[in-house]
């Protein structure tokens, strides 16, 4: 009888552990994940690991806050192995391998030798925002996976344009930057990319464009990363038409173009630092821009 009780207690304890342990226990069979973090260097060995599990474990090992913007994590398990890479390089490698749309790193510290990574934000499709991990010092009482701030519902008129753009194949190569580049954008202004030399298809628009709206859209293309310009050129025309219909006008103005650009950026789940730099008027393009050396870009996108 005592043996039966012990067996029952063990079984119940195991069930309770599986139900309430905050660690992600839904790893696929044959999954391997080892992460070591020391003195700003990361070593990762992962085999058949889902991205959500990988970045949750990364957050715990690095003792950082990891926030997921969106609720549709890539599902394909990844396999990767590297040793002693700097944090920034290692995380960029993992983000690209997992197929996230964007990411944002937050380093803090008054001196270079005191600077440390404190937060990683991941951007994906879907809505909502979840805290995957919190630093141990401030994470007490924050349940794993808690939804902390719902995102506004996607714009019904713009969502189909975003979905069409994503499935068009034009975003297959989304990275404008050369491998191994060390360009850092501090978010203080728009990036001064090489000028856009293409032509927006105003003739395909169902609306009339005034000259200032055309100028606004052309200047907007100048500050969009070169690799995604073709896709965004088509999307911008369609988005402007939809916003004009919503406002009951057949004329595209700079205000309508700015509204369309902002809605597209939201639809593509752009990071907050991008959203705050979006141009709202022609005058915004006269503000100081962040210079970029062409060597930081892939060869086909250089001046």
Protein backbone atom coordinates (compact mmCIF):
# COMPACT_ATOMS: atom_id res chain seq x y z
CA UNK A 1 0.00 0.00 0.00
CA UNK A 2 2.82 2.42 0.92
CA UNK A 3 4.55 1.56 -2.34
CA UNK A 4 1.32 2.32 -4.22
CA UNK A 5 1.07 5.69 -2.48
CA UNK A 6 4.65 6.58 -3.35
CA UNK A 7 4.04 5.68 -6.96
CA UNK A 8 0.87 7.80 -7.03
CA UNK A 9 2.69 10.77 -5.48
CA UNK A 10 5.48 10.52 -8.06
CA UNK A 11 2.98 10.40 -10.91
CA UNK A 12 0.99 13.36 -9.55
CA UNK A 13 4.18 15.35 -8.97
CA UNK A 14 5.25 14.74 -12.55
CA UNK A 15 1.86 15.86 -13.85
CA UNK A 16 1.95 19.03 -11.73
CA UNK A 17 5.45 19.81 -12.93
CA UNK A 18 4.38 19.49 -16.57
CA UNK A 19 1.34 21.72 -16.02
CA UNK A 20 2.89 24.51 -14.00
CA UNK A 21 6.59 24.63 -14.82
CA UNK A 22 7.19 27.87 -16.78
CA UNK A 23 9.76 26.24 -19.04
CA UNK A 24 8.53 25.44 -22.58
CA UNK A 25 8.10 21.69 -22.53
CA UNK A 26 6.68 21.25 -26.01
CA UNK A 27 10.00 20.59 -27.70
CA UNK A 28 9.88 18.25 -30.64
CA UNK A 29 11.36 14.75 -30.36
CA UNK A 30 15.16 14.55 -30.76
CA UNK A 31 15.50 18.23 -29.81
CA UNK A 32 18.88 19.43 -28.52
CA UNK A 33 19.46 22.90 -27.14
CA UNK A 34 22.55 24.17 -25.32
CA UNK A 35 23.24 27.87 -24.81
CA UNK A 36 26.24 29.34 -23.00
CA UNK A 37 26.65 33.06 -22.31
CA UNK A 38 29.79 34.57 -20.80
CA UNK A 39 31.47 37.98 -21.05
CA UNK A 40 29.34 39.11 -23.96
CA UNK A 41 29.95 35.97 -26.01
CA UNK A 42 27.34 33.39 -27.01
CA UNK A 43 27.71 29.72 -27.85
CA UNK A 44 24.71 27.83 -29.19
CA UNK A 45 24.13 24.22 -30.10
CA UNK A 46 20.59 23.54 -31.29
CA UNK A 47 19.06 20.70 -33.23
CA UNK A 48 15.44 20.69 -34.41
CA UNK A 49 14.49 23.49 -31.99
CA UNK A 50 11.42 25.68 -32.54
CA UNK A 51 12.24 29.43 -32.61
CA UNK A 52 9.98 30.26 -29.64
CA UNK A 53 11.76 27.71 -27.46
CA UNK A 54 15.17 28.83 -28.70
CA UNK A 55 14.65 32.52 -27.89
CA UNK A 56 12.96 31.77 -24.58
CA UNK A 57 15.98 29.76 -23.51
CA UNK A 58 18.29 32.47 -24.89
CA UNK A 59 16.53 35.04 -22.72
CA UNK A 60 16.95 32.93 -19.60
CA UNK A 61 20.60 32.15 -20.22
CA UNK A 62 21.46 35.79 -21.01
CA UNK A 63 19.19 37.08 -18.21
CA UNK A 64 17.49 39.56 -20.54
CA UNK A 65 13.95 40.59 -21.39
CA UNK A 66 12.65 39.01 -24.60
CA UNK A 67 9.45 40.45 -26.08
CA UNK A 68 7.55 38.93 -29.00
CA UNK A 69 5.56 41.40 -31.13
CA UNK A 70 2.94 39.34 -32.95
CA UNK A 71 1.66 35.86 -32.22
CA UNK A 72 2.68 33.75 -35.22
CA UNK A 73 6.07 32.26 -34.44
CA UNK A 74 7.89 30.47 -37.26
CA UNK A 75 7.19 26.78 -36.68
CA UNK A 76 10.05 25.07 -38.49
CA UNK A 77 12.65 23.65 -36.13
CA UNK A 78 16.16 24.96 -36.71
CA UNK A 79 19.59 23.40 -36.36
CA UNK A 80 22.63 25.57 -35.72
CA UNK A 81 25.97 25.40 -33.96
CA UNK A 82 28.51 28.14 -33.19
CA UNK A 83 30.88 29.06 -30.39
CA UNK A 84 31.94 32.33 -28.74
CA UNK A 85 30.28 34.80 -31.10
CA UNK A 86 29.67 38.38 -29.87
CA UNK A 87 26.07 38.81 -28.67
CA UNK A 88 25.06 41.13 -31.51
CA UNK A 89 26.47 38.88 -34.22
CA UNK A 90 25.06 35.73 -32.63
CA UNK A 91 21.54 37.09 -32.21
CA UNK A 92 21.50 38.47 -35.75
CA UNK A 93 22.48 35.02 -37.00
CA UNK A 94 19.71 33.32 -35.01
CA UNK A 95 17.06 35.89 -36.04
CA UNK A 96 17.85 35.44 -39.75
CA UNK A 97 17.95 31.67 -39.44
CA UNK A 98 14.56 31.58 -37.71
CA UNK A 99 12.99 33.89 -40.30
CA UNK A 100 11.75 36.74 -38.11
CA UNK A 101 10.72 39.96 -39.85
CA UNK A 102 12.70 42.28 -37.64
CA UNK A 103 14.42 42.54 -34.30
CA UNK A 104 15.61 45.25 -31.94
CA UNK A 105 18.47 45.06 -29.43
CA UNK A 106 18.64 47.32 -26.39
CA UNK A 107 22.11 47.77 -24.87
CA UNK A 108 22.58 49.84 -21.73
CA UNK A 109 25.62 51.19 -19.91
CA UNK A 110 27.44 54.49 -19.52
CA UNK A 111 30.84 53.20 -20.63
CA UNK A 112 31.73 50.78 -23.47
CA UNK A 113 33.17 48.28 -20.98
CA UNK A 114 29.96 48.45 -18.93
CA UNK A 115 27.54 48.09 -21.82
CA UNK A 116 25.36 44.99 -21.70
CA UNK A 117 22.38 43.62 -23.58
CA UNK A 118 19.19 44.06 -21.55
CA UNK A 119 16.35 43.51 -24.01
CA UNK A 120 15.61 41.76 -27.29
CA UNK A 121 12.42 42.46 -29.25
CA UNK A 122 11.27 40.08 -32.00
CA UNK A 123 8.80 41.08 -34.71
CA UNK A 124 6.64 38.57 -36.54
CA UNK A 125 3.21 38.29 -38.09
CA UNK A 126 0.03 38.40 -36.06
CA UNK A 127 -1.13 40.68 -33.27
CA UNK A 128 -0.46 41.13 -29.58
CA UNK A 129 2.71 41.37 -27.54
CA UNK A 130 4.14 38.77 -25.16
CA UNK A 131 6.95 38.79 -22.65
CA UNK A 132 8.83 35.53 -23.18
CA UNK A 133 11.42 36.13 -20.46
CA UNK A 134 12.28 38.76 -17.86
CA UNK A 135 15.65 39.37 -16.17
CA UNK A 136 15.76 37.45 -12.89
CA UNK A 137 16.07 40.65 -10.86
CA UNK A 138 12.78 42.10 -12.09
CA UNK A 139 10.93 39.10 -13.41
CA UNK A 140 9.19 37.94 -10.24
CA UNK A 141 5.46 37.61 -10.64
CA UNK A 142 5.51 37.79 -14.46
CA UNK A 143 3.96 34.56 -15.76
CA UNK A 144 5.61 32.97 -18.78
CA UNK A 145 3.90 34.06 -21.98
CA UNK A 146 1.74 36.74 -20.36
CA UNK A 147 0.04 39.05 -22.87
CA UNK A 148 0.97 42.52 -21.68
CA UNK A 149 -0.36 44.83 -24.37
CA UNK A 150 -2.73 43.95 -27.23
CA UNK A 151 -1.94 45.49 -30.58
CA UNK A 152 -4.62 47.41 -32.45
CA UNK A 153 -6.53 45.32 -34.95
CA UNK A 154 -4.97 45.32 -38.38
CA UNK A 155 -6.44 47.78 -40.86
CA UNK A 156 -9.04 45.88 -42.91
CA UNK A 157 -8.17 47.79 -46.09
CA UNK A 158 -4.41 47.41 -45.76
CA UNK A 159 -4.16 43.82 -44.47
CA UNK A 160 -4.88 42.24 -47.90
CA UNK A 161 -2.16 44.42 -49.47
CA UNK A 162 0.34 43.32 -46.81
CA UNK A 163 -0.59 39.65 -47.30
CA UNK A 164 -0.33 39.97 -51.07
CA UNK A 165 3.08 41.60 -50.79
CA UNK A 166 4.34 38.91 -48.42
CA UNK A 167 3.25 36.12 -50.76
CA UNK A 168 4.42 37.82 -53.98
CA UNK A 169 7.99 36.56 -53.72
CA UNK A 170 9.36 40.10 -54.01
CA UNK A 171 10.45 39.99 -50.37
CA UNK A 172 12.48 36.80 -50.75
CA UNK A 173 15.72 38.70 -50.21
CA UNK A 174 14.81 41.28 -47.56
CA UNK A 175 18.34 42.14 -46.42
CA UNK A 176 19.92 45.21 -48.02
CA UNK A 177 23.06 45.00 -45.91
CA UNK A 178 26.30 43.22 -46.76
CA UNK A 179 27.17 40.15 -44.66
CA UNK A 180 29.29 41.02 -41.65
CA UNK A 181 28.63 44.76 -41.84
CA UNK A 182 28.96 46.79 -38.65
CA UNK A 183 26.48 49.55 -39.48
CA UNK A 184 24.54 50.71 -36.42
CA UNK A 185 21.41 52.83 -36.63
CA UNK A 186 20.66 54.77 -33.47
CA UNK A 187 17.16 55.75 -34.60
CA UNK A 188 17.88 59.49 -34.47
CA UNK A 189 16.82 60.07 -38.07
CA UNK A 190 15.96 58.47 -41.38
CA UNK A 191 18.78 56.50 -43.03
CA UNK A 192 20.30 58.20 -46.06
CA UNK A 193 20.10 55.26 -48.46
CA UNK A 194 21.07 55.70 -52.14
CA UNK A 195 18.36 57.51 -54.10
CA UNK A 196 15.52 55.48 -55.57
CA UNK A 197 15.93 55.40 -59.34
CA UNK A 198 12.75 53.57 -60.20
CA UNK A 199 9.36 54.98 -61.14
CA UNK A 200 6.18 54.50 -59.16
CA UNK A 201 3.30 53.17 -61.26
CA UNK A 202 0.93 56.10 -60.84
CA UNK A 203 -0.79 55.00 -64.05
CA UNK A 204 -2.01 51.87 -62.23
CA UNK A 205 -3.63 53.93 -59.50
CA UNK A 206 -7.38 54.40 -59.43
CA UNK A 207 -6.91 57.92 -58.03
CA UNK A 208 -5.46 61.19 -59.20
CA UNK A 209 -2.14 62.15 -57.60
CA UNK A 210 -1.25 65.76 -56.97
CA UNK A 211 2.39 66.77 -57.52
CA UNK A 212 3.21 67.04 -53.81
CA UNK A 213 1.88 63.53 -53.19
CA UNK A 214 4.11 62.18 -55.95
CA UNK A 215 7.08 64.00 -54.44
CA UNK A 216 6.26 62.64 -50.98
CA UNK A 217 6.02 59.07 -52.25
CA UNK A 218 9.25 59.40 -54.26
CA UNK A 219 11.13 60.73 -51.22
CA UNK A 220 9.65 57.95 -49.12
CA UNK A 221 11.13 55.40 -51.50
CA UNK A 222 14.54 57.04 -50.98
CA UNK A 223 14.53 56.13 -47.28
CA UNK A 224 13.23 52.57 -47.72
CA UNK A 225 15.95 49.86 -47.69
CA UNK A 226 16.82 49.07 -51.34
CA UNK A 227 16.08 45.33 -51.12
CA UNK A 228 12.37 45.86 -50.45
CA UNK A 229 11.71 48.88 -52.68
CA UNK A 230 10.13 47.02 -55.59
CA UNK A 231 7.64 45.31 -53.31
CA UNK A 232 6.88 48.51 -51.39
CA UNK A 233 6.42 50.56 -54.58
CA UNK A 234 3.46 48.41 -55.60
CA UNK A 235 2.08 48.27 -52.08
CA UNK A 236 2.27 52.04 -51.65
CA UNK A 237 0.16 52.75 -54.74
CA UNK A 238 -2.51 50.26 -53.64
CA UNK A 239 -2.51 51.47 -50.04
CA UNK A 240 -2.92 55.10 -51.11
CA UNK A 241 -5.90 54.15 -53.26
CA UNK A 242 -7.52 52.36 -50.32
CA UNK A 243 -6.98 55.26 -47.92
CA UNK A 244 -8.40 57.68 -50.51
CA UNK A 245 -11.52 55.51 -50.88
CA UNK A 246 -11.93 55.40 -47.13
CA UNK A 247 -11.76 59.20 -46.95
CA UNK A 248 -14.18 59.61 -49.85
CA UNK A 249 -11.81 61.38 -52.23
CA UNK A 250 -10.36 60.56 -55.62
CA UNK A 251 -7.20 62.65 -55.13
CA UNK A 252 -4.04 61.47 -53.40
CA UNK A 253 -2.43 64.20 -51.27
CA UNK A 254 0.77 64.06 -49.17
CA UNK A 255 -1.41 63.55 -46.08
CA UNK A 256 -3.08 60.50 -47.62
CA UNK A 257 0.28 59.14 -48.77
CA UNK A 258 1.71 59.58 -45.25
CA UNK A 259 -1.31 57.82 -43.75
CA UNK A 260 -0.89 54.92 -46.19
CA UNK A 261 2.82 54.58 -45.40
CA UNK A 262 2.10 54.48 -41.67
CA UNK A 263 -0.60 51.82 -42.11
CA UNK A 264 1.70 49.69 -44.24
CA UNK A 265 4.45 49.97 -41.63
CA UNK A 266 2.02 48.84 -38.94
CA UNK A 267 0.82 46.01 -41.14
CA UNK A 268 4.40 44.81 -41.63
CA UNK A 269 4.94 45.04 -37.85
CA UNK A 270 7.80 47.53 -38.06
CA UNK A 271 9.74 48.18 -34.83
CA UNK A 272 8.83 51.26 -32.73
CA UNK A 273 12.06 53.02 -33.70
CA UNK A 274 11.00 52.81 -37.36
CA UNK A 275 7.46 53.96 -36.63
CA UNK A 276 8.63 57.08 -34.80
CA UNK A 277 10.80 58.09 -37.76
CA UNK A 278 8.12 57.75 -40.43
CA UNK A 279 7.72 61.00 -42.41
CA UNK A 280 4.41 62.79 -41.91
CA UNK A 281 5.03 65.68 -44.31
CA UNK A 282 7.45 66.84 -47.00
CA UNK A 283 9.23 68.96 -44.39
CA UNK A 284 10.21 65.79 -42.50
CA UNK A 285 12.54 64.82 -45.33
CA UNK A 286 14.61 67.94 -44.66
CA UNK A 287 15.57 66.74 -41.19
CA UNK A 288 19.15 65.44 -40.73
CA UNK A 289 19.52 61.85 -41.89
CA UNK A 290 21.79 59.10 -40.62
CA UNK A 291 24.60 58.67 -43.17
CA UNK A 292 25.48 55.20 -44.41
CA UNK A 293 28.63 54.16 -46.23
CA UNK A 294 27.86 52.16 -49.38
CA UNK A 295 30.26 49.43 -48.21
CA UNK A 296 27.63 48.44 -45.63
CA UNK A 297 25.18 47.55 -48.42
CA UNK A 298 25.19 44.58 -50.73
CA UNK A 299 27.00 45.38 -53.94
CA UNK A 300 23.85 45.58 -56.07
CA UNK A 301 22.46 48.31 -53.81
CA UNK A 302 25.49 50.58 -53.67
CA UNK A 303 25.65 53.99 -55.34
